[in-house]
């Protein structure tokens, strides 16, 4: 199978991040995803006592941040002559491939585990994707997707120019560079927001912490890459969050090597990788601004989703609720934010939450989660 090995990519951020410039994307990729707004949140700012901004990637066409990375990856494959894309996904990655592939006119096949929500299956099929349900978790679906592509390559008349390509949900340097565009945008947007504070055009934006959910680590790799390229990597802390039943990154980062979970025991199925890419651990360990790996309960993630809908009128998945819980939960604010952000009275550097979104949510699902988790916890 022809892929770009992640093992050679640990230095990709340093080689492409030596100057304060935008990510270099494949031709036309910038038209395949949405430049999302950065919104100031008064309710969350009041909770923290300093400015909190929301990077609204829930507004991407597929519903999640994954459109960014998939745009760069799929456009790269398109220009290399690939005719078909094969992905494994529990939901959001497959929806992003289907969304971007449709724009490029490329057929897309998505292999999903049997835990995938019906609402996601319906959305995948509405985008024209061929959907195959296989296995009880993402790892089983991923193994099958790779086998399909290997079989296609083995029978290809042009092995050096395969007809179809495997698309990883999170473990590819092309994805990480695409995801890093969110840092480019928030830096530019923060600079505009901070102009009233007499910032000069050449000064870097002031930023204390970026809060980001982690599943397999692709988004985190992109955030770290973007911060390095934008030269805010020495002053900007990264706070990650996973639910306790899907905390493969937190455990791997703590032990300084990748571990594999025996299974996923969480409502946040979008965080359902049993292991993360080792590059996420490597980059987080080497990141000069510091990375704190946090966890929350399923209940805290659901509470954050419900409160976020009330405060901002936007629905997000529990996987995104994990990041929001770092601010909404009094326990998590005390445990993580007081140790990762300055308490100086004159430090007004904002916190940015990556609102990664998610398509596995609707009003009925949110109501069901609220009934199951919040009623039992009260």
Protein backbone atom coordinates (compact mmCIF):
# COMPACT_ATOMS: atom_id res chain seq x y z
CA UNK A 1 0.00 0.00 0.00
CA UNK A 2 1.37 3.40 -0.93
CA UNK A 3 1.10 5.87 1.96
CA UNK A 4 3.27 8.49 3.55
CA UNK A 5 4.70 6.84 6.65
CA UNK A 6 4.11 8.73 9.86
CA UNK A 7 7.41 7.49 11.27
CA UNK A 8 9.29 9.90 9.01
CA UNK A 9 7.17 12.89 9.83
CA UNK A 10 8.16 13.80 13.37
CA UNK A 11 10.32 16.60 12.05
CA UNK A 12 7.86 17.85 9.48
CA UNK A 13 6.76 20.74 11.66
CA UNK A 14 10.30 21.97 12.16
CA UNK A 15 11.14 21.80 8.48
CA UNK A 16 8.05 23.72 7.43
CA UNK A 17 7.62 25.96 10.45
CA UNK A 18 10.69 28.16 10.47
CA UNK A 19 8.81 31.29 9.50
CA UNK A 20 5.56 32.97 10.46
CA UNK A 21 3.63 31.98 7.32
CA UNK A 22 0.46 30.13 6.44
CA UNK A 23 0.47 26.38 5.87
CA UNK A 24 1.47 25.38 2.35
CA UNK A 25 -1.49 23.42 0.98
CA UNK A 26 -2.15 21.42 -2.16
CA UNK A 27 -3.52 23.36 -5.11
CA UNK A 28 -7.15 24.25 -4.52
CA UNK A 29 -7.29 22.77 -1.01
CA UNK A 30 -8.07 26.14 0.55
CA UNK A 31 -11.40 26.15 -1.31
CA UNK A 32 -12.45 22.74 0.07
CA UNK A 33 -12.87 23.73 3.72
CA UNK A 34 -14.38 26.70 5.56
CA UNK A 35 -12.53 29.56 7.21
CA UNK A 36 -14.37 29.49 10.53
CA UNK A 37 -15.06 32.38 12.90
CA UNK A 38 -13.30 33.02 16.19
CA UNK A 39 -15.99 34.11 18.65
CA UNK A 40 -15.62 35.70 22.04
CA UNK A 41 -17.64 33.82 24.66
CA UNK A 42 -18.99 36.02 27.43
CA UNK A 43 -20.39 33.07 29.50
CA UNK A 44 -17.09 31.16 29.45
CA UNK A 45 -15.02 34.29 30.01
CA UNK A 46 -17.05 34.98 33.14
CA UNK A 47 -16.33 31.47 34.42
CA UNK A 48 -12.58 31.76 33.92
CA UNK A 49 -12.09 35.44 34.71
CA UNK A 50 -10.21 36.15 31.49
CA UNK A 51 -11.13 36.24 27.78
CA UNK A 52 -12.22 32.94 26.24
CA UNK A 53 -12.55 32.58 22.48
CA UNK A 54 -14.18 29.77 20.50
CA UNK A 55 -12.66 28.55 17.23
CA UNK A 56 -15.86 27.36 15.60
CA UNK A 57 -14.87 24.38 13.48
CA UNK A 58 -18.29 22.91 14.17
CA UNK A 59 -19.26 25.16 11.25
CA UNK A 60 -17.24 23.14 8.71
CA UNK A 61 -19.38 21.63 5.93
CA UNK A 62 -19.12 18.08 7.29
CA UNK A 63 -19.65 19.27 10.86
CA UNK A 64 -16.11 18.91 12.21
CA UNK A 65 -12.55 20.23 11.98
CA UNK A 66 -11.57 17.20 9.89
CA UNK A 67 -12.49 19.03 6.67
CA UNK A 68 -9.22 20.95 7.05
CA UNK A 69 -6.87 18.01 6.98
CA UNK A 70 -8.93 16.02 4.52
CA UNK A 71 -8.93 18.93 2.08
CA UNK A 72 -5.13 19.00 1.93
CA UNK A 73 -4.77 15.21 1.88
CA UNK A 74 -7.47 14.49 -0.71
CA UNK A 75 -6.38 17.36 -2.97
CA UNK A 76 -2.83 16.02 -2.84
CA UNK A 77 -3.98 12.54 -3.86
CA UNK A 78 -6.23 14.02 -6.55
CA UNK A 79 -3.34 15.85 -8.19
CA UNK A 80 -1.24 12.67 -7.98
CA UNK A 81 -3.83 10.84 -10.09
CA UNK A 82 -5.75 8.89 -7.44
CA UNK A 83 -9.25 7.99 -8.62
CA UNK A 84 -10.88 6.64 -5.45
CA UNK A 85 -10.57 7.14 -1.69
CA UNK A 86 -11.05 4.47 0.98
CA UNK A 87 -11.35 5.49 4.62
CA UNK A 88 -12.13 3.94 7.97
CA UNK A 89 -14.10 5.99 10.43
CA UNK A 90 -16.41 6.04 13.39
CA UNK A 91 -18.08 9.07 11.84
CA UNK A 92 -16.42 12.46 11.46
CA UNK A 93 -13.39 11.45 9.38
CA UNK A 94 -15.56 9.50 6.97
CA UNK A 95 -17.96 12.43 6.64
CA UNK A 96 -15.05 14.77 5.93
CA UNK A 97 -13.62 12.44 3.25
CA UNK A 98 -17.07 12.08 1.69
CA UNK A 99 -17.62 15.85 1.77
CA UNK A 100 -14.25 16.71 0.24
CA UNK A 101 -14.22 13.76 -2.16
CA UNK A 102 -17.59 14.80 -3.55
CA UNK A 103 -16.28 18.30 -4.25
CA UNK A 104 -13.31 16.77 -6.10
CA UNK A 105 -15.50 14.30 -8.01
CA UNK A 106 -13.77 11.30 -6.41
CA UNK A 107 -15.69 8.15 -5.35
CA UNK A 108 -15.39 7.49 -1.63
CA UNK A 109 -15.78 4.25 0.34
CA UNK A 110 -16.03 4.39 4.12
CA UNK A 111 -15.65 1.38 6.40
CA UNK A 112 -17.37 1.95 9.76
CA UNK A 113 -17.72 -0.17 12.91
CA UNK A 114 -21.12 -1.38 14.04
CA UNK A 115 -21.12 1.22 16.83
CA UNK A 116 -21.56 4.01 14.29
CA UNK A 117 -24.69 6.08 14.91
CA UNK A 118 -27.53 5.77 12.36
CA UNK A 119 -27.49 9.55 11.87
CA UNK A 120 -23.89 9.31 10.67
CA UNK A 121 -24.63 6.39 8.34
CA UNK A 122 -27.47 8.36 6.78
CA UNK A 123 -25.27 11.42 6.28
CA UNK A 124 -22.48 9.36 4.69
CA UNK A 125 -24.89 7.80 2.21
CA UNK A 126 -26.50 11.16 1.44
CA UNK A 127 -23.05 12.38 0.37
CA UNK A 128 -22.77 9.50 -2.10
CA UNK A 129 -20.27 7.44 -0.12
CA UNK A 130 -20.27 3.66 -0.30
CA UNK A 131 -20.66 2.54 3.32
CA UNK A 132 -19.57 -0.85 4.68
CA UNK A 133 -20.21 -1.80 8.32
CA UNK A 134 -17.44 -4.05 9.63
CA UNK A 135 -16.22 -4.95 13.13
CA UNK A 136 -17.07 -3.87 16.64
CA UNK A 137 -14.62 -0.95 16.84
CA UNK A 138 -12.70 1.44 14.63
CA UNK A 139 -9.53 -0.69 14.68
CA UNK A 140 -11.36 -3.61 13.06
CA UNK A 141 -12.90 -1.32 10.44
CA UNK A 142 -9.49 0.22 9.77
CA UNK A 143 -7.82 -3.16 9.26
CA UNK A 144 -10.48 -4.07 6.71
CA UNK A 145 -10.14 -0.72 4.89
CA UNK A 146 -6.36 -1.17 4.59
CA UNK A 147 -6.84 -4.73 3.31
CA UNK A 148 -9.18 -3.48 0.57
CA UNK A 149 -6.63 -0.94 -0.60
CA UNK A 150 -3.78 -3.46 -0.42
CA UNK A 151 -5.79 -5.84 -2.56
CA UNK A 152 -6.45 -3.10 -5.11
CA UNK A 153 -2.75 -2.21 -5.26
CA UNK A 154 -1.73 -5.87 -5.61
CA UNK A 155 -3.95 -6.24 -8.65
CA UNK A 156 -3.14 -2.86 -10.17
CA UNK A 157 -1.60 -2.75 -13.63
CA UNK A 158 0.24 0.42 -12.53
CA UNK A 159 1.53 -0.31 -9.00
CA UNK A 160 3.38 3.01 -8.81
CA UNK A 161 0.19 4.91 -9.66
CA UNK A 162 -2.53 3.17 -7.64
CA UNK A 163 -6.14 3.77 -8.55
CA UNK A 164 -7.29 4.09 -4.96
CA UNK A 165 -5.66 5.37 -1.76
CA UNK A 166 -6.22 4.66 1.90
CA UNK A 167 -7.18 7.73 3.94
CA UNK A 168 -6.33 7.58 7.64
CA UNK A 169 -8.65 9.41 10.03
CA UNK A 170 -5.70 10.93 11.92
CA UNK A 171 -2.28 9.45 11.15
CA UNK A 172 -0.87 11.25 8.12
CA UNK A 173 1.39 14.35 7.92
CA UNK A 174 -0.85 15.79 5.20
CA UNK A 175 -3.75 15.76 7.65
CA UNK A 176 -1.72 17.49 10.33
CA UNK A 177 -0.64 20.29 8.03
CA UNK A 178 -4.24 20.77 6.93
CA UNK A 179 -5.42 20.90 10.54
CA UNK A 180 -2.72 23.45 11.35
CA UNK A 181 -4.60 26.04 9.29
CA UNK A 182 -6.88 26.63 12.29
CA UNK A 183 -3.88 28.14 14.12
CA UNK A 184 -3.13 30.38 11.13
CA UNK A 185 -6.68 31.66 11.24
CA UNK A 186 -6.95 32.17 14.98
CA UNK A 187 -3.64 34.06 15.05
CA UNK A 188 -4.88 36.46 12.38
CA UNK A 189 -8.28 36.76 14.04
CA UNK A 190 -6.79 37.38 17.49
CA UNK A 191 -4.52 40.05 16.05
CA UNK A 192 -7.57 41.89 14.73
CA UNK A 193 -9.39 41.43 18.04
CA UNK A 194 -6.40 42.80 19.95
CA UNK A 195 -5.81 45.84 17.74
CA UNK A 196 -7.76 47.93 20.26
CA UNK A 197 -4.95 47.19 22.68
CA UNK A 198 -2.52 49.04 20.38
CA UNK A 199 -0.89 45.88 19.04
CA UNK A 200 1.32 46.57 16.06
CA UNK A 201 0.91 44.59 12.89
CA UNK A 202 4.25 42.85 13.38
CA UNK A 203 3.63 41.68 16.92
CA UNK A 204 2.52 38.12 17.59
CA UNK A 205 -0.98 37.70 19.01
CA UNK A 206 -1.24 37.27 22.76
CA UNK A 207 -2.51 33.79 23.63
CA UNK A 208 -2.30 31.84 26.89
CA UNK A 209 -3.78 28.39 26.19
CA UNK A 210 -5.40 26.38 23.41
CA UNK A 211 -7.79 23.69 24.64
CA UNK A 212 -8.24 20.78 22.25
CA UNK A 213 -9.92 17.37 22.32
CA UNK A 214 -7.77 14.37 21.40
CA UNK A 215 -8.73 11.07 19.82
CA UNK A 216 -6.01 9.57 17.65
CA UNK A 217 -3.92 12.73 17.86
CA UNK A 218 -4.26 14.19 14.37
CA UNK A 219 -5.79 17.47 15.51
CA UNK A 220 -3.22 17.83 18.27
CA UNK A 221 -0.37 17.26 15.80
CA UNK A 222 -1.83 20.01 13.62
CA UNK A 223 -2.21 22.46 16.50
CA UNK A 224 1.38 21.89 17.62
CA UNK A 225 2.60 22.28 14.04
CA UNK A 226 0.65 25.49 13.57
CA UNK A 227 1.84 27.01 16.84
CA UNK A 228 5.44 26.26 15.89
CA UNK A 229 5.10 27.70 12.40
CA UNK A 230 3.35 30.78 13.76
CA UNK A 231 6.11 31.23 16.37
CA UNK A 232 3.79 31.15 19.37
CA UNK A 233 5.10 27.78 20.52
CA UNK A 234 7.20 29.11 23.41
CA UNK A 235 4.42 31.12 25.06
CA UNK A 236 1.23 29.20 24.24
CA UNK A 237 0.29 26.25 26.43
CA UNK A 238 -1.76 23.34 25.05
CA UNK A 239 -4.39 21.68 27.23
CA UNK A 240 -5.79 18.42 25.84
CA UNK A 241 -8.85 16.55 26.99
CA UNK A 242 -10.28 13.07 26.51
CA UNK A 243 -13.03 11.19 28.29
CA UNK A 244 -11.74 8.73 30.85
CA UNK A 245 -12.89 5.72 28.86
CA UNK A 246 -11.03 6.80 25.71
CA UNK A 247 -7.86 8.36 27.11
CA UNK A 248 -5.23 6.74 24.91
CA UNK A 249 -3.24 9.96 24.49
CA UNK A 250 -3.29 10.93 28.15
CA UNK A 251 -1.96 7.53 29.17
CA UNK A 252 0.59 7.47 26.36
CA UNK A 253 1.83 10.98 27.14
CA UNK A 254 2.14 10.18 30.84
CA UNK A 255 4.14 7.03 30.11
CA UNK A 256 6.11 8.70 27.27
CA UNK A 257 5.31 5.90 24.82
CA UNK A 258 2.20 4.81 22.96
CA UNK A 259 -0.10 2.42 24.76
CA UNK A 260 -3.10 0.55 23.39
CA UNK A 261 -6.36 0.59 25.32
CA UNK A 262 -8.14 -2.76 25.70
CA UNK A 263 -11.28 -1.08 24.40
CA UNK A 264 -13.32 2.11 24.39
CA UNK A 265 -15.70 2.69 27.29
CA UNK A 266 -17.12 6.13 26.61
CA UNK A 267 -20.07 7.94 25.11
CA UNK A 268 -17.53 9.98 23.13
CA UNK A 269 -17.18 7.46 20.31
CA UNK A 270 -15.46 10.04 18.10
CA UNK A 271 -12.51 9.75 20.50
CA UNK A 272 -12.62 6.01 19.94
CA UNK A 273 -9.09 5.18 18.83
CA UNK A 274 -7.52 2.59 21.12
CA UNK A 275 -4.09 4.06 20.39
CA UNK A 276 -2.87 7.46 19.20
CA UNK A 277 -0.25 8.26 16.61
CA UNK A 278 3.21 8.16 18.25
CA UNK A 279 4.01 11.48 16.60
CA UNK A 280 1.45 13.18 18.86
CA UNK A 281 3.36 11.94 21.91
CA UNK A 282 6.72 12.95 20.38
CA UNK A 283 5.57 16.44 19.43
CA UNK A 284 3.78 17.05 22.71
CA UNK A 285 6.84 15.96 24.69
CA UNK A 286 9.12 18.28 22.71
CA UNK A 287 6.71 21.25 22.62
CA UNK A 288 8.39 24.18 24.44
CA UNK A 289 5.15 25.86 25.55
CA UNK A 290 4.14 22.76 27.47
CA UNK A 291 1.28 20.29 27.05
CA UNK A 292 -1.06 19.21 29.83
CA UNK A 293 -3.06 16.04 29.14
CA UNK A 294 -6.39 16.06 30.95
CA UNK A 295 -9.41 13.80 31.19
CA UNK A 296 -13.07 14.27 32.03
CA UNK A 297 -15.98 11.98 32.78
CA UNK A 298 -18.68 11.21 30.24
CA UNK A 299 -21.09 13.14 32.45
CA UNK A 300 -18.87 16.24 32.40
CA UNK A 301 -18.61 16.04 28.62
CA UNK A 302 -22.40 15.76 28.28
CA UNK A 303 -22.97 18.60 30.74
CA UNK A 304 -20.67 20.78 28.64
CA UNK A 305 -22.55 19.90 25.44
CA UNK A 306 -25.88 20.83 27.05
CA UNK A 307 -24.60 24.06 28.55
CA UNK A 308 -22.84 25.02 25.30
CA UNK A 309 -26.13 24.57 23.42
CA UNK A 310 -27.85 26.82 25.94
CA UNK A 311 -25.16 29.49 25.91
CA UNK A 312 -24.24 29.51 22.21
CA UNK A 313 -27.11 27.71 20.43
CA UNK A 314 -24.76 25.19 18.75
CA UNK A 315 -24.88 21.38 19.00
CA UNK A 316 -21.62 19.47 19.42
CA UNK A 317 -20.67 15.86 20.14
CA UNK A 318 -19.40 14.64 23.52
CA UNK A 319 -15.93 14.40 21.95
CA UNK A 320 -16.03 18.17 21.57
CA UNK A 321 -17.75 18.48 24.93
CA UNK A 322 -14.58 17.08 26.49
CA UNK A 323 -12.66 20.25 25.57
CA UNK A 324 -15.53 22.50 26.61
CA UNK A 325 -15.76 20.68 29.94
CA UNK A 326 -12.34 22.04 30.88
CA UNK A 327 -14.03 25.41 31.34
CA UNK A 328 -17.61 24.48 32.19
CA UNK A 329 -16.74 22.02 34.96
CA UNK A 330 -15.74 23.65 38.27
CA UNK A 331 -13.68 20.56 39.12
CA UNK A 332 -11.75 20.65 35.87
CA UNK A 333 -11.25 24.42 35.94
CA UNK A 334 -9.66 24.07 39.36
CA UNK A 335 -7.59 21.04 38.41
CA UNK A 336 -6.28 22.18 35.03
CA UNK A 337 -6.79 25.86 34.25
CA UNK A 338 -5.36 27.22 37.49
CA UNK A 339 -2.13 25.34 36.78
CA UNK A 340 -1.84 26.01 33.06
CA UNK A 341 -2.74 29.70 32.86
CA UNK A 342 -1.18 32.64 34.62
CA UNK A 343 -3.03 34.07 37.60
CA UNK A 344 -1.28 37.45 37.35
CA UNK A 345 -3.78 40.28 37.53
CA UNK A 346 -2.23 41.93 34.47
CA UNK A 347 -2.24 38.77 32.36
CA UNK A 348 -5.22 39.13 30.08
CA UNK A 349 -4.00 36.68 27.46
CA UNK A 350 -7.03 34.73 26.23
CA UNK A 351 -7.84 31.05 26.18
CA UNK A 352 -8.96 29.56 22.87
CA UNK A 353 -11.13 26.43 22.76
CA UNK A 354 -11.08 24.47 19.53
CA UNK A 355 -14.78 23.70 19.06
CA UNK A 356 -14.11 20.69 16.87
CA UNK A 357 -17.81 19.94 16.41
CA UNK A 358 -18.98 16.52 15.30
CA UNK A 359 -21.81 15.23 13.17
CA UNK A 360 -23.01 12.45 15.46
CA UNK A 361 -25.42 14.72 17.29
CA UNK A 362 -28.93 16.07 16.90
CA UNK A 363 -31.62 17.33 19.27
CA UNK A 364 -32.94 13.86 20.01
CA UNK A 365 -29.48 12.48 20.80
CA UNK A 366 -28.62 15.43 23.01
CA UNK A 367 -31.90 15.03 24.90
CA UNK A 368 -31.23 11.30 25.31
CA UNK A 369 -27.72 11.91 26.67
CA UNK A 370 -29.06 14.56 29.03
CA UNK A 371 -31.73 12.20 30.32
CA UNK A 372 -29.35 9.27 30.75
CA UNK A 373 -26.30 11.00 32.19
CA UNK A 374 -27.47 14.16 33.89
CA UNK A 375 -30.65 12.85 35.47
CA UNK A 376 -28.73 9.95 37.03
CA UNK A 377 -26.01 12.25 38.34
CA UNK A 378 -28.34 14.74 40.02
